[in-house]
Amino acid sequence: MTVYKQELAEKKRQAGITEEIPERVEIFTSIDGLLEHLPPCSTLEELNQAAKVIEEMETCSGIDWKLTFAALEAELPGTMEECFRVIQNHQTYELLPFPFLVPESYAHYYLEQEGFSIPEGLKDHFDYRRYGQEKIRETGAAETFYGVVVNREKPICLDHGEGQELKLYSPLTLTTFAGYPFFPALLHGEKVPAFQTVIRMEIAKSMREYGAGGLAETLYNQLLSGKISSIVPDVEEHQGQLWGVALVSTRGELTERELAGLREEWKEIAAHGWGDLFASRTLNAGNIRFHAGFWDTERGENLSLMTEEEFGREVGGFEIRM
């Protein structure tokens, strides 16, 4: 990835982009996997800085990107500056010769590396699992997509603080084609909450295709993915209207940037990923056949995405009926 300030400024000028105008720019890189291992919502200036750091390092000594990506996934840096430190010091990390972090295996590996051996008479009584767990905590060994990684100079910090439970709300779009074969109609009014049970049952069916983390496994940004333990869709009723909800569990507290990245990723998932597939399902409530969209950009009305706190302010102190 090579971006220069002069070239960037010239492209902005040619495109008629000023600093006052919000930008949506497609970023491409020749390093496969790099963008998803940088902090979410990175600015053009930050990406430009990253390009310079990477170019300087590749010119001087080269970069082992598999090792670097593993280190980034293990450390989960929250800022671009922290990313730079991991990239610049990637050679202090080491990928171990096994893909999964199993305490017993790590115990045998650690003993071998340190030149220790358990006497034959004690092997059957030695607690390899407990010893392995202790050494994993001491060394900060971390399991990543690329394998188990350690930092030879200092333990990797895996404690990101107490996790959070949060919700993201968006208006649910209910569409029926009954009587309108070419002009789908939106469902409104008092009958809408009656569809909640049907929608929830269909959500439960759709989630069978995913693991314990639900839709968290579909996140694009790997640094954000490391901070999100689960995303599960739901639907709630308030004042006669149904709202699509993303129930999110985190590992540690999210920064403002990470929360902004989560918002953007949820919009993509709800519009083009799981949500697009879910909206294609035909639901039945009584004699009404309908579709439910969590982020329907084509037919949705007043689309907005709010945290629970923002939603409470928007509706003026709400009581949601589950």
Protein backbone atom coordinates (compact mmCIF):
# COMPACT_ATOMS: atom_id res chain seq x y z
CA MET A 1 0.00 0.00 0.00
CA THR A 2 1.64 3.25 -1.13
CA VAL A 3 -0.15 6.55 -0.69
CA TYR A 4 1.60 9.92 -1.03
CA LYS A 5 0.24 13.24 0.26
CA GLN A 6 0.88 14.99 -3.05
CA GLU A 7 -0.85 12.26 -5.05
CA LEU A 8 -3.74 12.16 -2.57
CA ALA A 9 -4.16 15.93 -2.73
CA GLU A 10 -4.09 15.83 -6.54
CA LYS A 11 -6.71 13.09 -6.70
CA LYS A 12 -8.91 15.07 -4.30
CA ARG A 13 -8.50 18.16 -6.48
CA GLN A 14 -9.37 16.23 -9.66
CA ALA A 15 -12.43 14.72 -7.98
CA GLY A 16 -13.53 18.10 -6.66
CA ILE A 17 -13.29 16.93 -3.04
CA THR A 18 -12.69 19.54 -0.35
CA GLU A 19 -11.92 18.93 3.31
CA GLU A 20 -15.37 20.21 4.27
CA ILE A 21 -17.15 17.53 2.22
CA PRO A 22 -17.59 14.09 3.82
CA GLU A 23 -15.61 11.53 1.86
CA ARG A 24 -16.29 7.92 0.92
CA VAL A 25 -13.16 6.59 -0.73
CA GLU A 26 -12.32 3.09 -1.91
CA ILE A 27 -8.89 2.06 -0.59
CA PHE A 28 -6.89 -0.67 -2.28
CA THR A 29 -3.68 -2.34 -1.14
CA SER A 30 -1.28 -4.80 -2.69
CA ILE A 31 -0.84 -6.47 0.72
CA ASP A 32 -3.69 -8.93 1.06
CA GLY A 33 -5.26 -8.73 4.52
CA LEU A 34 -3.67 -5.43 5.57
CA LEU A 35 -6.76 -3.19 5.72
CA GLU A 36 -8.73 -5.55 7.95
CA HIS A 37 -5.79 -5.58 10.41
CA LEU A 38 -5.72 -1.80 10.85
CA PRO A 39 -8.04 0.07 13.27
CA PRO A 40 -11.63 0.50 12.04
CA CYS A 41 -12.62 3.90 10.65
CA SER A 42 -9.01 4.84 9.88
CA THR A 43 -8.69 8.24 8.21
CA LEU A 44 -6.92 8.85 4.90
CA GLU A 45 -4.15 10.62 6.80
CA GLU A 46 -3.67 7.60 9.08
CA LEU A 47 -3.60 5.22 6.12
CA ASN A 48 -1.06 7.49 4.48
CA GLN A 49 1.11 7.31 7.60
CA ALA A 50 0.76 3.53 7.63
CA ALA A 51 1.88 3.40 3.99
CA LYS A 52 5.02 5.36 4.81
CA VAL A 53 5.88 3.19 7.84
CA ILE A 54 5.39 0.00 5.84
CA GLU A 55 7.38 1.28 2.86
CA GLU A 56 10.30 2.28 5.08
CA MET A 57 10.32 -1.11 6.82
CA GLU A 58 10.07 -3.11 3.60
CA THR A 59 12.95 -1.08 2.16
CA CYS A 60 15.14 -1.72 5.21
CA SER A 61 14.42 -5.27 6.36
CA GLY A 62 11.17 -6.58 4.93
CA ILE A 63 8.05 -7.67 6.81
CA ASP A 64 6.81 -11.16 7.62
CA TRP A 65 3.11 -10.41 7.12
CA LYS A 66 1.82 -13.73 8.45
CA LEU A 67 3.68 -13.13 11.71
CA THR A 68 2.65 -9.46 11.75
CA PHE A 69 -1.03 -10.20 11.24
CA ALA A 70 -0.88 -12.81 14.03
CA ALA A 71 0.74 -10.24 16.33
CA LEU A 72 -1.88 -7.63 15.50
CA GLU A 73 -4.73 -10.08 16.15
CA ALA A 74 -3.16 -11.01 19.48
CA GLU A 75 -2.44 -7.47 20.68
CA LEU A 76 -5.61 -5.82 19.28
CA PRO A 77 -4.10 -2.31 19.11
CA GLY A 78 -6.71 0.41 19.47
CA THR A 79 -4.89 3.18 17.60
CA MET A 80 -2.84 3.47 14.44
CA GLU A 81 0.21 4.42 16.52
CA GLU A 82 -0.11 1.15 18.47
CA CYS A 83 -0.41 -0.70 15.16
CA PHE A 84 2.82 0.92 14.00
CA ARG A 85 4.62 -0.31 17.12
CA VAL A 86 3.46 -3.89 16.53
CA ILE A 87 4.43 -3.77 12.84
CA GLN A 88 7.83 -2.20 13.55
CA ASN A 89 8.54 -4.75 16.31
CA HIS A 90 6.99 -7.77 14.60
CA GLN A 91 10.27 -9.68 14.76
CA THR A 92 9.98 -9.86 18.55
CA TYR A 93 6.97 -12.15 18.05
CA GLU A 94 7.10 -15.84 17.25
CA LEU A 95 4.60 -18.25 15.76
CA LEU A 96 4.72 -21.56 17.59
CA PRO A 97 4.69 -24.89 15.73
CA PHE A 98 1.06 -25.72 16.51
CA PRO A 99 -2.18 -24.01 15.37
CA PHE A 100 -4.29 -24.28 18.53
CA LEU A 101 -3.56 -23.29 22.12
CA VAL A 102 -4.05 -26.46 24.18
CA PRO A 103 -2.66 -26.27 27.76
CA GLU A 104 -1.26 -29.81 27.72
CA SER A 105 0.52 -29.26 24.38
CA TYR A 106 1.85 -25.91 25.53
CA ALA A 107 3.18 -27.48 28.74
CA HIS A 108 5.18 -30.07 26.79
CA TYR A 109 6.44 -27.39 24.38
CA TYR A 110 7.47 -25.01 27.16
CA LEU A 111 9.30 -27.72 29.11
CA GLU A 112 11.16 -28.79 25.98
CA GLN A 113 12.15 -25.21 25.10
CA GLU A 114 13.43 -24.56 28.62
CA GLY A 115 15.37 -27.83 28.68
CA PHE A 116 13.34 -29.28 31.54
CA SER A 117 12.23 -32.89 31.80
CA ILE A 118 9.87 -34.60 34.21
CA PRO A 119 11.36 -37.67 35.89
CA GLU A 120 9.82 -40.92 34.72
CA GLY A 121 8.38 -41.68 38.13
CA LEU A 122 6.52 -38.36 38.24
CA LYS A 123 5.17 -38.12 34.69
CA ASP A 124 1.94 -39.95 35.49
CA HIS A 125 1.28 -37.56 38.38
CA PHE A 126 2.37 -34.29 36.80
CA ASP A 127 -0.56 -31.97 36.01
CA TYR A 128 0.34 -30.89 32.46
CA ARG A 129 -2.95 -29.07 31.97
CA ARG A 130 -2.57 -26.86 35.03
CA TYR A 131 1.09 -26.20 34.29
CA GLY A 132 0.24 -25.30 30.70
CA GLN A 133 -2.49 -22.88 31.83
CA GLU A 134 -0.05 -21.16 34.19
CA LYS A 135 2.58 -20.77 31.48
CA ILE A 136 0.02 -19.48 28.98
CA ARG A 137 -0.90 -16.72 31.44
CA GLU A 138 2.77 -15.96 32.20
CA THR A 139 3.91 -15.79 28.58
CA GLY A 140 0.74 -14.29 27.13
CA ALA A 141 0.53 -16.93 24.40
CA ALA A 142 -2.42 -16.14 22.14
CA GLU A 143 -4.32 -18.17 19.56
CA THR A 144 -4.95 -16.38 16.27
CA PHE A 145 -6.16 -17.27 12.79
CA TYR A 146 -2.52 -17.70 11.78
CA GLY A 147 -1.56 -19.89 14.74
CA VAL A 148 -0.34 -19.48 18.31
CA VAL A 149 1.86 -16.43 18.81
CA VAL A 150 4.05 -15.19 21.68
CA ASN A 151 6.19 -12.12 22.23
CA ARG A 152 9.72 -13.12 23.22
CA GLU A 153 10.38 -9.79 25.00
CA LYS A 154 7.21 -9.26 27.02
CA PRO A 155 3.91 -11.11 27.55
CA ILE A 156 1.02 -10.23 25.26
CA CYS A 157 -1.69 -8.52 27.29
CA LEU A 158 -4.92 -10.44 26.76
CA ASP A 159 -6.92 -8.61 29.42
CA HIS A 160 -8.91 -5.86 27.72
CA GLY A 161 -11.03 -5.08 30.76
CA GLU A 162 -14.59 -5.97 31.65
CA GLY A 163 -16.83 -6.82 28.73
CA GLN A 164 -19.93 -4.91 27.72
CA GLU A 165 -23.46 -5.82 26.70
CA LEU A 166 -24.91 -3.28 24.28
CA LYS A 167 -27.70 -2.95 21.73
CA LEU A 168 -27.93 -1.24 18.36
CA TYR A 169 -31.46 -0.24 17.27
CA SER A 170 -32.77 0.40 13.77
CA PRO A 171 -36.31 0.66 12.35
CA LEU A 172 -37.56 -2.70 11.10
CA THR A 173 -39.02 -2.61 7.59
CA LEU A 174 -41.98 -4.95 7.05
CA THR A 175 -43.04 -5.44 3.44
CA THR A 176 -45.98 -7.35 2.04
CA PHE A 177 -46.66 -8.27 -1.57
CA ALA A 178 -50.21 -9.50 -0.85
CA GLY A 179 -52.46 -7.77 -3.36
CA TYR A 180 -49.54 -5.76 -4.68
CA PRO A 181 -47.66 -8.10 -7.02
CA PHE A 182 -45.53 -5.33 -8.50
CA PHE A 183 -45.77 -2.63 -5.83
CA PRO A 184 -44.76 -3.93 -2.37
CA ALA A 185 -46.55 -2.19 0.49
CA LEU A 186 -45.11 -1.36 3.92
CA LEU A 187 -46.96 -2.66 6.95
CA HIS A 188 -47.82 -0.14 9.65
CA GLY A 189 -50.21 0.22 12.53
CA GLU A 190 -51.47 -1.79 15.47
CA LYS A 191 -51.17 -5.18 13.81
CA VAL A 192 -47.42 -4.89 13.34
CA PRO A 193 -46.40 -6.02 16.89
CA ALA A 194 -48.28 -9.30 16.31
CA PHE A 195 -45.54 -10.23 13.83
CA GLN A 196 -42.83 -10.14 16.52
CA THR A 197 -43.12 -13.82 17.49
CA VAL A 198 -43.01 -14.95 13.86
CA ILE A 199 -39.93 -12.84 13.15
CA ARG A 200 -38.13 -14.08 16.25
CA MET A 201 -38.78 -17.70 15.32
CA GLU A 202 -37.37 -17.09 11.86
CA ILE A 203 -34.33 -15.31 13.32
CA ALA A 204 -33.66 -18.35 15.51
CA LYS A 205 -33.78 -20.60 12.43
CA SER A 206 -31.41 -18.36 10.50
CA MET A 207 -28.87 -18.32 13.33
CA ARG A 208 -28.44 -22.09 13.21
CA GLU A 209 -25.97 -21.51 10.40
CA TYR A 210 -23.61 -19.63 12.75
CA GLY A 211 -21.52 -20.56 15.77
CA ALA A 212 -21.71 -19.37 19.37
CA GLY A 213 -20.55 -15.89 18.35
CA GLY A 214 -23.45 -15.48 15.95
CA LEU A 215 -22.86 -12.77 13.37
CA ALA A 216 -19.62 -11.65 15.04
CA GLU A 217 -17.87 -14.22 12.86
CA THR A 218 -18.84 -12.21 9.77
CA LEU A 219 -17.05 -9.01 10.86
CA TYR A 220 -14.54 -7.75 8.31
CA ASN A 221 -12.13 -5.87 10.57
CA GLN A 222 -10.05 -8.40 12.49
CA LEU A 223 -9.05 -6.00 15.27
CA LEU A 224 -12.71 -5.21 15.91
CA SER A 225 -13.60 -8.90 15.61
CA GLY A 226 -11.17 -9.66 18.44
CA LYS A 227 -13.10 -7.31 20.74
CA ILE A 228 -16.58 -8.65 19.86
CA SER A 229 -17.54 -12.02 21.32
CA SER A 230 -21.05 -12.22 19.84
CA ILE A 231 -23.65 -10.42 17.74
CA VAL A 232 -27.18 -11.80 17.79
CA PRO A 233 -30.13 -10.14 15.99
CA ASP A 234 -33.45 -9.66 17.73
CA VAL A 235 -36.65 -7.67 17.38
CA GLU A 236 -38.31 -5.52 20.03
CA GLU A 237 -41.57 -3.59 20.20
CA HIS A 238 -42.02 -0.03 21.36
CA GLN A 239 -45.15 2.08 21.05
CA GLY A 240 -46.66 -0.13 18.36
CA GLN A 241 -43.53 -0.22 16.22
CA LEU A 242 -41.02 -3.03 15.76
CA TRP A 243 -37.31 -2.31 15.90
CA GLY A 244 -34.47 -4.45 14.66
CA VAL A 245 -31.85 -4.97 17.34
CA ALA A 246 -28.27 -6.21 17.35
CA LEU A 247 -27.40 -7.70 20.76
CA VAL A 248 -23.65 -7.27 21.11
CA SER A 249 -21.29 -8.76 23.71
CA THR A 250 -17.73 -7.45 23.86
CA ARG A 251 -14.37 -8.43 25.31
CA GLY A 252 -13.43 -5.26 27.12
CA GLU A 253 -14.82 -1.78 26.62
CA LEU A 254 -15.02 -0.50 23.06
CA THR A 255 -13.35 2.77 22.15
CA GLU A 256 -15.35 5.43 20.30
CA ARG A 257 -13.58 4.40 17.10
CA GLU A 258 -14.39 0.74 17.65
CA LEU A 259 -18.03 1.57 18.35
CA ALA A 260 -18.15 3.63 15.14
CA GLY A 261 -16.60 0.70 13.27
CA LEU A 262 -19.16 -1.67 14.79
CA ARG A 263 -21.99 0.59 13.63
CA GLU A 264 -20.71 0.61 10.07
CA GLU A 265 -20.10 -3.14 10.01
CA TRP A 266 -23.57 -3.86 11.41
CA LYS A 267 -25.13 -1.76 8.66
CA GLU A 268 -23.29 -3.85 6.06
CA ILE A 269 -24.25 -7.13 7.72
CA ALA A 270 -27.88 -6.07 8.11
CA ALA A 271 -28.13 -4.71 4.56
CA HIS A 272 -26.00 -7.01 2.42
CA GLY A 273 -24.96 -10.00 4.53
CA TRP A 274 -27.16 -11.95 6.90
CA GLY A 275 -29.85 -9.26 6.70
CA ASP A 276 -30.18 -9.52 2.94
CA LEU A 277 -30.64 -13.29 3.19
CA PHE A 278 -33.09 -12.90 6.07
CA ALA A 279 -35.14 -10.33 4.16
CA SER A 280 -35.54 -12.83 1.31
CA ARG A 281 -37.41 -15.25 3.58
CA THR A 282 -41.19 -15.18 3.31
CA LEU A 283 -42.83 -15.02 6.74
CA ASN A 284 -46.42 -15.88 7.53
CA ALA A 285 -48.58 -14.32 10.22
CA GLY A 286 -52.18 -15.42 9.88
CA ASN A 287 -53.19 -14.71 6.28
CA ILE A 288 -50.42 -12.15 5.74
CA ARG A 289 -47.21 -13.04 3.96
CA PHE A 290 -44.42 -10.54 4.48
CA HIS A 291 -40.68 -9.88 4.56
CA ALA A 292 -38.65 -8.26 7.36
CA GLY A 293 -35.64 -6.04 6.62
CA PHE A 294 -33.16 -4.96 9.29
CA TRP A 295 -31.55 -2.31 7.08
CA ASP A 296 -33.65 -2.01 3.95
CA THR A 297 -32.06 0.87 2.02
CA GLU A 298 -34.57 0.45 -0.82
CA ARG A 299 -37.85 0.59 1.10
CA GLY A 300 -36.91 1.49 4.68
CA GLU A 301 -38.27 4.70 6.14
CA ASN A 302 -36.13 7.08 8.25
CA LEU A 303 -33.30 4.58 8.58
CA SER A 304 -31.14 5.29 11.59
CA LEU A 305 -28.86 3.28 13.86
CA MET A 306 -28.83 4.08 17.56
CA THR A 307 -27.28 2.73 20.74
CA GLU A 308 -29.63 1.92 23.61
CA GLU A 309 -28.84 5.29 25.22
CA GLU A 310 -29.47 7.18 21.98
CA PHE A 311 -32.66 5.24 21.39
CA GLY A 312 -33.91 6.09 24.87
CA ARG A 313 -33.34 9.79 24.25
CA GLU A 314 -34.98 9.57 20.83
CA VAL A 315 -38.22 8.08 22.12
CA GLY A 316 -38.23 9.94 25.42
CA GLY A 317 -37.77 7.27 28.05
CA PHE A 318 -39.00 3.97 26.71
CA GLU A 319 -40.23 0.71 28.10
CA ILE A 320 -39.71 -2.09 25.61
CA ARG A 321 -42.03 -5.07 25.71
CA MET A 322 -40.10 -8.23 25.00
